[in-house]
Amino acid sequence: MIKTLKFTSSLVPLVLNGSKTSTWRLFDDKNLSKNDQLILINKQTLQEFAKAKIMEVKELPLKDLTSEDKKGHESFSSDQEMYDTYTKYYQKKVDGNTLIKIVRFKLI
């Protein structure tokens, strides 16, 4: 079964131009795994904008993210900004101990 991932409109061009090659997901309800096929959806329009394949999945607490983990992902000015952003996205409190799933993907 093909899984879907939604991205905010501002991230769609970054995915399409290859500068965004990973997404961070919290509270993963899709059981995202290596080699999964994905349909990428614009969250605002609900339109498909690309297909991708998961190349790697890694799970760890947010506070343990390394600069290597952050490659291919949009950056935050501080850890607090990152926690606030994900708290807003997920409507749940997010802090350094919240588990994050780093999903590296390749467009196909």
Protein backbone atom coordinates (compact mmCIF):
# COMPACT_ATOMS: atom_id res chain seq x y z
CA MET A 1 0.00 0.00 0.00
CA ILE A 2 1.30 3.45 -0.89
CA LYS A 3 1.45 5.89 2.02
CA THR A 4 0.90 9.63 1.84
CA LEU A 5 2.81 12.47 3.50
CA LYS A 6 1.56 16.05 3.63
CA PHE A 7 3.80 19.11 3.37
CA THR A 8 2.89 22.77 3.89
CA SER A 9 2.80 24.80 0.66
CA SER A 10 6.01 26.66 1.54
CA LEU A 11 7.95 23.36 1.61
CA VAL A 12 6.68 21.99 -1.73
CA PRO A 13 9.23 23.94 -3.88
CA LEU A 14 12.07 22.82 -1.56
CA VAL A 15 11.09 19.18 -2.03
CA LEU A 16 10.77 19.60 -5.78
CA ASN A 17 14.12 21.40 -6.19
CA GLY A 18 15.91 18.72 -4.14
CA SER A 19 17.01 20.92 -1.23
CA LYS A 20 14.58 19.19 1.16
CA THR A 21 15.30 15.45 1.22
CA SER A 22 14.08 14.58 4.68
CA THR A 23 11.02 15.14 6.80
CA TRP A 24 10.67 14.87 10.55
CA ARG A 25 7.55 13.19 11.85
CA LEU A 26 6.36 12.96 15.43
CA PHE A 27 3.73 10.56 16.73
CA ASP A 28 4.06 8.47 13.52
CA ASP A 29 0.73 6.75 12.93
CA LYS A 30 1.71 5.43 9.50
CA ASN A 31 4.57 3.14 10.56
CA LEU A 32 6.88 4.73 7.99
CA SER A 33 9.68 2.35 7.01
CA LYS A 34 12.62 2.10 4.65
CA ASN A 35 11.62 1.34 1.02
CA ASP A 36 8.02 2.54 1.50
CA GLN A 37 6.57 4.24 -1.57
CA LEU A 38 5.05 7.65 -0.85
CA ILE A 39 2.66 10.08 -2.47
CA LEU A 40 3.56 13.63 -1.41
CA ILE A 41 0.61 15.97 -0.91
CA ASN A 42 0.37 19.73 -0.58
CA LYS A 43 -1.35 20.17 2.80
CA GLN A 44 -3.19 23.34 1.75
CA THR A 45 -4.51 22.19 -1.65
CA LEU A 46 -4.58 18.43 -0.96
CA GLN A 47 -3.06 17.95 -4.43
CA GLU A 48 -0.38 15.34 -5.10
CA PHE A 49 2.88 17.04 -6.11
CA ALA A 50 5.38 14.17 -6.24
CA LYS A 51 6.11 10.51 -5.57
CA ALA A 52 9.00 9.38 -3.42
CA LYS A 53 10.66 6.38 -1.82
CA ILE A 54 11.91 6.23 1.78
CA MET A 55 15.66 5.63 1.79
CA GLU A 56 16.27 5.67 5.55
CA VAL A 57 14.35 6.02 8.82
CA LYS A 58 15.92 6.94 12.16
CA GLU A 59 14.16 7.57 15.47
CA LEU A 60 15.55 9.52 18.43
CA PRO A 61 14.63 12.24 20.96
CA LEU A 62 14.66 15.78 19.50
CA LYS A 63 17.40 16.87 21.92
CA ASP A 64 19.76 14.25 20.41
CA LEU A 65 19.57 15.54 16.81
CA THR A 66 23.01 16.02 15.25
CA SER A 67 24.00 18.33 12.40
CA GLU A 68 24.12 15.20 10.21
CA ASP A 69 20.49 14.42 11.18
CA LYS A 70 19.48 17.97 10.20
CA LYS A 71 20.86 17.75 6.64
CA GLY A 72 18.19 18.05 3.97
CA HIS A 73 15.71 19.64 6.40
CA GLU A 74 14.72 23.27 6.90
CA SER A 75 16.57 24.82 9.82
CA PHE A 76 15.34 26.50 12.99
CA SER A 77 16.97 29.46 14.74
CA SER A 78 16.86 27.62 18.07
CA ASP A 79 15.71 24.40 19.69
CA GLN A 80 12.86 26.36 21.29
CA GLU A 81 11.65 27.53 17.86
CA MET A 82 11.74 23.89 16.70
CA TYR A 83 9.70 22.72 19.73
CA ASP A 84 7.18 25.55 19.26
CA THR A 85 6.82 24.78 15.54
CA TYR A 86 6.09 21.09 16.16
CA THR A 87 3.79 21.89 19.09
CA LYS A 88 1.78 24.02 16.64
CA TYR A 89 1.82 21.36 13.87
CA TYR A 90 0.74 18.50 16.10
CA GLN A 91 -1.34 20.33 18.74
CA LYS A 92 0.61 18.42 21.41
CA LYS A 93 3.41 19.65 23.68
CA VAL A 94 6.79 18.94 22.11
CA ASP A 95 10.12 19.18 23.93
CA GLY A 96 13.63 17.72 23.82
CA ASN A 97 12.43 14.32 25.02
CA THR A 98 9.79 13.96 22.28
CA LEU A 99 10.70 11.16 19.86
CA ILE A 100 11.17 12.22 16.27
CA LYS A 101 11.30 10.01 13.20
CA ILE A 102 13.71 11.28 10.55
CA VAL A 103 12.51 10.10 7.16
CA ARG A 104 15.00 10.51 4.30
CA PHE A 105 13.38 10.21 0.89
CA LYS A 106 14.20 10.35 -2.81
CA LEU A 107 11.81 11.55 -5.48
CA ILE A 108 10.92 8.91 -8.04
